[in-house]
Amino acid sequence: MSSEDINLVIQILSGILNPNNSIRKEAEAKLTSMNSNIGGLLFCLGRVLKESNENQIKSLAAVLIRKILDVGTSNWKNLTPELKTSFKADLLVVMVNEKEKSVKNKICDAVAKIGENIYENDETWNELLNVMYTILAKPFQEEDLLNIETSLLLLTTMFGYVGDEIMKGLTTLLTTFKNY
């Protein structure tokens, strides 16, 4: 996908957020037409999360990622291994680096949905747990509080899928709770 495609997705998201009903409906129709290339759409939405400075646009992109990857669909299964790998890496970076709490929570929900898909399909995502444990194992600093909250939210959301893996990191979790 090109930067033109990413800009098109940003325009579509802006249109969906527009209060003018005709602009919104036109943008929704364009988004629906992009569903024929789910991989490309997900790639563009991930890039929007990474590159946009507009919180509403990023929030909508994260919500759309979560909806597209609903476990009841086969959208995740149909993605190429290369796209899955880059998409997972991009979303982890975006989640850790996001500073706006409401946007970060929506990105966290999208990451959790990706995790559900991965574990439902007997795939692995070791980097997800590594990022969470790295954040939780760091000495407390005020600027890390949002990432700590996000990691704990992911742990609770993902527990049913990765409970055994979480239990392996129980020492880190206990230390985290003692420190906070």
C-alpha atoms as a PDB file:
ATOM      1  CA  MET A   1       0.000   0.000   0.000  1.00  0.00           C
ATOM      2  CA  SER A   2       1.221   3.471  -0.817  1.00  0.00           C
ATOM      3  CA  SER A   3       1.163   6.751   1.056  1.00  0.00           C
ATOM      4  CA  GLU A   4      -1.721   7.702  -1.262  1.00  0.00           C
ATOM      5  CA  ASP A   5      -3.712   4.750   0.098  1.00  0.00           C
ATOM      6  CA  ILE A   6      -2.949   5.786   3.660  1.00  0.00           C
ATOM      7  CA  ASN A   7      -4.020   9.359   2.890  1.00  0.00           C
ATOM      8  CA  LEU A   8      -7.220   8.017   1.324  1.00  0.00           C
ATOM      9  CA  VAL A   9      -7.979   6.066   4.506  1.00  0.00           C
ATOM     10  CA  ILE A  10      -7.347   9.204   6.583  1.00  0.00           C
ATOM     11  CA  GLN A  11      -9.788  11.111   4.345  1.00  0.00           C
ATOM     12  CA  ILE A  12     -12.350   8.333   4.710  1.00  0.00           C
ATOM     13  CA  LEU A  13     -11.987   8.322   8.503  1.00  0.00           C
ATOM     14  CA  SER A  14     -12.332  12.104   8.563  1.00  0.00           C
ATOM     15  CA  GLY A  15     -15.484  11.778   6.470  1.00  0.00           C
ATOM     16  CA  ILE A  16     -16.934   9.182   8.819  1.00  0.00           C
ATOM     17  CA  LEU A  17     -16.365  11.588  11.709  1.00  0.00           C
ATOM     18  CA  ASN A  18     -17.985  14.468   9.816  1.00  0.00           C
ATOM     19  CA  PRO A  19     -21.351  15.619  11.222  1.00  0.00           C
ATOM     20  CA  ASN A  20     -22.710  16.119   7.676  1.00  0.00           C
ATOM     21  CA  ASN A  21     -24.774  13.016   6.946  1.00  0.00           C
ATOM     22  CA  SER A  22     -24.116  12.901   3.193  1.00  0.00           C
ATOM     23  CA  ILE A  23     -20.331  13.217   3.689  1.00  0.00           C
ATOM     24  CA  ARG A  24     -20.443  10.535   6.363  1.00  0.00           C
ATOM     25  CA  LYS A  25     -22.487   8.131   4.194  1.00  0.00           C
ATOM     26  CA  GLU A  26     -20.137   8.642   1.239  1.00  0.00           C
ATOM     27  CA  ALA A  27     -17.120   7.927   3.474  1.00  0.00           C
ATOM     28  CA  GLU A  28     -18.793   4.820   4.890  1.00  0.00           C
ATOM     29  CA  ALA A  29     -19.455   3.574   1.351  1.00  0.00           C
ATOM     30  CA  LYS A  30     -15.795   4.099   0.436  1.00  0.00           C
ATOM     31  CA  LEU A  31     -14.716   2.220   3.565  1.00  0.00           C
ATOM     32  CA  THR A  32     -17.067  -0.639   2.695  1.00  0.00           C
ATOM     33  CA  SER A  33     -15.551  -0.855  -0.777  1.00  0.00           C
ATOM     34  CA  MET A  34     -12.100  -1.223   0.808  1.00  0.00           C
ATOM     35  CA  ASN A  35     -13.263  -4.380   2.620  1.00  0.00           C
ATOM     36  CA  SER A  36     -12.382  -6.362  -0.508  1.00  0.00           C
ATOM     37  CA  ASN A  37      -8.724  -5.937   0.492  1.00  0.00           C
ATOM     38  CA  ILE A  38      -8.774  -6.512   4.258  1.00  0.00           C
ATOM     39  CA  GLY A  39      -4.996  -6.873   4.444  1.00  0.00           C
ATOM     40  CA  GLY A  40      -4.450  -3.561   2.714  1.00  0.00           C
ATOM     41  CA  LEU A  41      -7.091  -1.856   4.836  1.00  0.00           C
ATOM     42  CA  LEU A  42      -5.565  -3.183   8.063  1.00  0.00           C
ATOM     43  CA  PHE A  43      -2.117  -2.106   6.927  1.00  0.00           C
ATOM     44  CA  CYS A  44      -3.402   1.417   6.234  1.00  0.00           C
ATOM     45  CA  LEU A  45      -5.282   1.601   9.544  1.00  0.00           C
ATOM     46  CA  GLY A  46      -2.113   0.525  11.359  1.00  0.00           C
ATOM     47  CA  ARG A  47      -0.142   3.244   9.563  1.00  0.00           C
ATOM     48  CA  VAL A  48      -2.811   5.794  10.468  1.00  0.00           C
ATOM     49  CA  LEU A  49      -2.342   4.856  14.131  1.00  0.00           C
ATOM     50  CA  LYS A  50       1.390   5.259  13.733  1.00  0.00           C
ATOM     51  CA  GLU A  51       1.430   8.485  11.729  1.00  0.00           C
ATOM     52  CA  SER A  52      -1.655  10.544  12.549  1.00  0.00           C
ATOM     53  CA  ASN A  53      -1.628  13.310  15.145  1.00  0.00           C
ATOM     54  CA  GLU A  54      -5.428  13.464  15.363  1.00  0.00           C
ATOM     55  CA  ASN A  55      -6.836  11.569  18.330  1.00  0.00           C
ATOM     56  CA  GLN A  56     -10.301  11.083  16.808  1.00  0.00           C
ATOM     57  CA  ILE A  57      -8.808   9.613  13.637  1.00  0.00           C
ATOM     58  CA  LYS A  58      -6.543   7.281  15.642  1.00  0.00           C
ATOM     59  CA  SER A  59      -9.430   6.232  17.890  1.00  0.00           C
ATOM     60  CA  LEU A  60     -11.607   5.376  14.913  1.00  0.00           C
ATOM     61  CA  ALA A  61      -8.751   3.486  13.238  1.00  0.00           C
ATOM     62  CA  ALA A  62      -8.240   1.389  16.389  1.00  0.00           C
ATOM     63  CA  VAL A  63     -11.964   0.652  16.701  1.00  0.00           C
ATOM     64  CA  LEU A  64     -12.138  -0.395  13.050  1.00  0.00           C
ATOM     65  CA  ILE A  65      -9.151  -2.720  13.477  1.00  0.00           C
ATOM     66  CA  ARG A  66     -10.891  -4.355  16.425  1.00  0.00           C
ATOM     67  CA  LYS A  67     -14.132  -4.764  14.470  1.00  0.00           C
ATOM     68  CA  ILE A  68     -12.432  -6.085  11.334  1.00  0.00           C
ATOM     69  CA  LEU A  69     -10.593  -8.680  13.395  1.00  0.00           C
ATOM     70  CA  ASP A  70     -13.613  -9.911  15.314  1.00  0.00           C
ATOM     71  CA  VAL A  71     -12.914 -13.536  16.188  1.00  0.00           C
ATOM     72  CA  GLY A  72     -16.084 -14.633  14.380  1.00  0.00           C
ATOM     73  CA  THR A  73     -14.545 -13.635  11.058  1.00  0.00           C
ATOM     74  CA  SER A  74     -11.721 -15.352   9.223  1.00  0.00           C
ATOM     75  CA  ASN A  75     -10.016 -12.047   8.455  1.00  0.00           C
ATOM     76  CA  TRP A  76      -6.957 -12.768  10.612  1.00  0.00           C
ATOM     77  CA  LYS A  77      -6.487 -16.241   9.139  1.00  0.00           C
ATOM     78  CA  ASN A  78      -6.506 -14.827   5.623  1.00  0.00           C
ATOM     79  CA  LEU A  79      -3.669 -12.357   6.202  1.00  0.00           C
ATOM     80  CA  THR A  80      -0.196 -13.231   4.944  1.00  0.00           C
ATOM     81  CA  PRO A  81       2.388 -14.194   7.577  1.00  0.00           C
ATOM     82  CA  GLU A  82       4.453 -11.145   6.601  1.00  0.00           C
ATOM     83  CA  LEU A  83       1.529  -8.771   7.115  1.00  0.00           C
ATOM     84  CA  LYS A  84       0.672 -10.404  10.446  1.00  0.00           C
ATOM     85  CA  THR A  85       4.251  -9.990  11.663  1.00  0.00           C
ATOM     86  CA  SER A  86       4.599  -6.350  10.659  1.00  0.00           C
ATOM     87  CA  PHE A  87       1.083  -5.481  11.843  1.00  0.00           C
ATOM     88  CA  LYS A  88       1.676  -6.999  15.284  1.00  0.00           C
ATOM     89  CA  ALA A  89       5.010  -5.201  15.646  1.00  0.00           C
ATOM     90  CA  ASP A  90       3.543  -1.868  14.529  1.00  0.00           C
ATOM     91  CA  LEU A  91       0.602  -2.077  16.913  1.00  0.00           C
ATOM     92  CA  LEU A  92       2.814  -2.918  19.879  1.00  0.00           C
ATOM     93  CA  VAL A  93       4.997   0.120  19.151  1.00  0.00           C
ATOM     94  CA  VAL A  94       1.957   2.338  18.694  1.00  0.00           C
ATOM     95  CA  MET A  95       0.387   1.057  21.917  1.00  0.00           C
ATOM     96  CA  VAL A  96       3.518   1.688  23.980  1.00  0.00           C
ATOM     97  CA  ASN A  97       4.180   5.124  22.474  1.00  0.00           C
ATOM     98  CA  GLU A  98       0.638   6.539  22.568  1.00  0.00           C
ATOM     99  CA  LYS A  99       0.236   9.248  25.234  1.00  0.00           C
ATOM    100  CA  GLU A 100      -3.508   9.962  25.059  1.00  0.00           C
ATOM    101  CA  LYS A 101      -5.303   7.619  27.456  1.00  0.00           C
ATOM    102  CA  SER A 102      -8.571   7.246  25.534  1.00  0.00           C
ATOM    103  CA  VAL A 103      -6.712   6.478  22.297  1.00  0.00           C
ATOM    104  CA  LYS A 104      -4.317   4.150  24.090  1.00  0.00           C
ATOM    105  CA  ASN A 105      -7.248   2.190  25.551  1.00  0.00           C
ATOM    106  CA  LYS A 106      -8.759   1.738  22.092  1.00  0.00           C
ATOM    107  CA  ILE A 107      -5.406   0.601  20.720  1.00  0.00           C
ATOM    108  CA  CYS A 108      -5.147  -1.783  23.673  1.00  0.00           C
ATOM    109  CA  ASP A 109      -8.567  -3.216  22.732  1.00  0.00           C
ATOM    110  CA  ALA A 110      -7.338  -3.708  19.149  1.00  0.00           C
ATOM    111  CA  VAL A 111      -4.150  -5.397  20.392  1.00  0.00           C
ATOM    112  CA  ALA A 112      -6.246  -7.667  22.614  1.00  0.00           C
ATOM    113  CA  LYS A 113      -8.419  -8.573  19.609  1.00  0.00           C
ATOM    114  CA  ILE A 114      -5.298  -9.438  17.617  1.00  0.00           C
ATOM    115  CA  GLY A 115      -4.134 -11.563  20.554  1.00  0.00           C
ATOM    116  CA  GLU A 116      -7.476 -13.370  20.680  1.00  0.00           C
ATOM    117  CA  ASN A 117      -7.185 -14.160  16.972  1.00  0.00           C
ATOM    118  CA  ILE A 118      -3.630 -15.362  17.371  1.00  0.00           C
ATOM    119  CA  TYR A 119      -4.368 -17.690  20.244  1.00  0.00           C
ATOM    120  CA  GLU A 120      -7.666 -18.887  18.730  1.00  0.00           C
ATOM    121  CA  ASN A 121      -5.667 -19.935  15.660  1.00  0.00           C
ATOM    122  CA  ASP A 122      -2.931 -21.653  17.699  1.00  0.00           C
ATOM    123  CA  GLU A 123      -0.374 -19.037  16.712  1.00  0.00           C
ATOM    124  CA  THR A 124       2.000 -17.324  19.123  1.00  0.00           C
ATOM    125  CA  TRP A 125       2.826 -13.744  19.975  1.00  0.00           C
ATOM    126  CA  ASN A 126       5.702 -13.862  22.435  1.00  0.00           C
ATOM    127  CA  GLU A 127       6.477 -10.185  21.875  1.00  0.00           C
ATOM    128  CA  LEU A 128       3.126  -9.187  23.412  1.00  0.00           C
ATOM    129  CA  LEU A 129       3.878 -10.832  26.740  1.00  0.00           C
ATOM    130  CA  ASN A 130       7.492  -9.641  26.593  1.00  0.00           C
ATOM    131  CA  VAL A 131       6.359  -6.022  26.175  1.00  0.00           C
ATOM    132  CA  MET A 132       3.859  -6.331  29.023  1.00  0.00           C
ATOM    133  CA  TYR A 133       6.374  -7.917  31.389  1.00  0.00           C
ATOM    134  CA  THR A 134       9.087  -5.432  30.464  1.00  0.00           C
ATOM    135  CA  ILE A 135       6.757  -2.564  31.319  1.00  0.00           C
ATOM    136  CA  LEU A 136       5.638  -4.165  34.573  1.00  0.00           C
ATOM    137  CA  ALA A 137       9.161  -5.082  35.669  1.00  0.00           C
ATOM    138  CA  LYS A 138      10.525  -1.537  35.371  1.00  0.00           C
ATOM    139  CA  PRO A 139      10.888   0.523  38.538  1.00  0.00           C
ATOM    140  CA  PHE A 140       7.886   2.797  38.943  1.00  0.00           C
ATOM    141  CA  GLN A 141       8.044   6.177  37.288  1.00  0.00           C
ATOM    142  CA  GLU A 142       5.059   8.475  36.926  1.00  0.00           C
ATOM    143  CA  GLU A 143       5.476   8.747  33.149  1.00  0.00           C
ATOM    144  CA  ASP A 144       5.108   4.947  32.836  1.00  0.00           C
ATOM    145  CA  LEU A 145       1.758   4.807  34.637  1.00  0.00           C
ATOM    146  CA  LEU A 146      -0.331   4.721  31.460  1.00  0.00           C
ATOM    147  CA  ASN A 147       1.748   1.844  30.040  1.00  0.00           C
ATOM    148  CA  ILE A 148       1.437  -0.006  33.353  1.00  0.00           C
ATOM    149  CA  GLU A 149      -2.344   0.399  33.252  1.00  0.00           C
ATOM    150  CA  THR A 150      -2.401  -0.757  29.633  1.00  0.00           C
ATOM    151  CA  SER A 151      -0.316  -3.831  30.435  1.00  0.00           C
ATOM    152  CA  LEU A 152      -2.598  -4.771  33.308  1.00  0.00           C
ATOM    153  CA  LEU A 153      -5.664  -4.220  31.137  1.00  0.00           C
ATOM    154  CA  LEU A 154      -4.188  -6.507  28.480  1.00  0.00           C
ATOM    155  CA  LEU A 155      -3.386  -9.141  31.083  1.00  0.00           C
ATOM    156  CA  THR A 156      -6.977  -9.178  32.307  1.00  0.00           C
ATOM    157  CA  THR A 157      -8.383  -9.144  28.787  1.00  0.00           C
ATOM    158  CA  MET A 158      -6.083 -11.871  27.533  1.00  0.00           C
ATOM    159  CA  PHE A 159      -6.006 -14.078  30.633  1.00  0.00           C
ATOM    160  CA  GLY A 160      -8.381 -16.664  29.165  1.00  0.00           C
ATOM    161  CA  TYR A 161      -6.062 -17.122  26.197  1.00  0.00           C
ATOM    162  CA  VAL A 162      -2.642 -16.857  27.807  1.00  0.00           C
ATOM    163  CA  GLY A 163      -3.302 -17.799  31.419  1.00  0.00           C
ATOM    164  CA  ASP A 164      -0.588 -20.452  31.446  1.00  0.00           C
ATOM    165  CA  GLU A 165       1.954 -18.009  29.999  1.00  0.00           C
ATOM    166  CA  ILE A 166       0.886 -15.340  32.484  1.00  0.00           C
ATOM    167  CA  MET A 167       1.418 -17.758  35.346  1.00  0.00           C
ATOM    168  CA  LYS A 168       5.026 -18.242  34.190  1.00  0.00           C
ATOM    169  CA  GLY A 169       5.542 -14.535  34.846  1.00  0.00           C
ATOM    170  CA  LEU A 170       3.826 -14.615  38.215  1.00  0.00           C
ATOM    171  CA  THR A 171       6.942 -13.367  40.021  1.00  0.00           C
ATOM    172  CA  THR A 172       6.964 -10.224  37.871  1.00  0.00           C
ATOM    173  CA  LEU A 173       3.272  -9.679  38.544  1.00  0.00           C
ATOM    174  CA  LEU A 174       3.654 -10.117  42.286  1.00  0.00           C
ATOM    175  CA  THR A 175       6.572  -7.690  42.338  1.00  0.00           C
ATOM    176  CA  THR A 176       4.510  -5.215  40.321  1.00  0.00           C
ATOM    177  CA  PHE A 177       1.615  -5.357  42.755  1.00  0.00           C
ATOM    178  CA  LYS A 178       3.932  -4.985  45.733  1.00  0.00           C
ATOM    179  CA  ASN A 179       5.542  -1.912  44.175  1.00  0.00           C
ATOM    180  CA  TYR A 180       2.257  -0.193  43.413  1.00  0.00           C
END
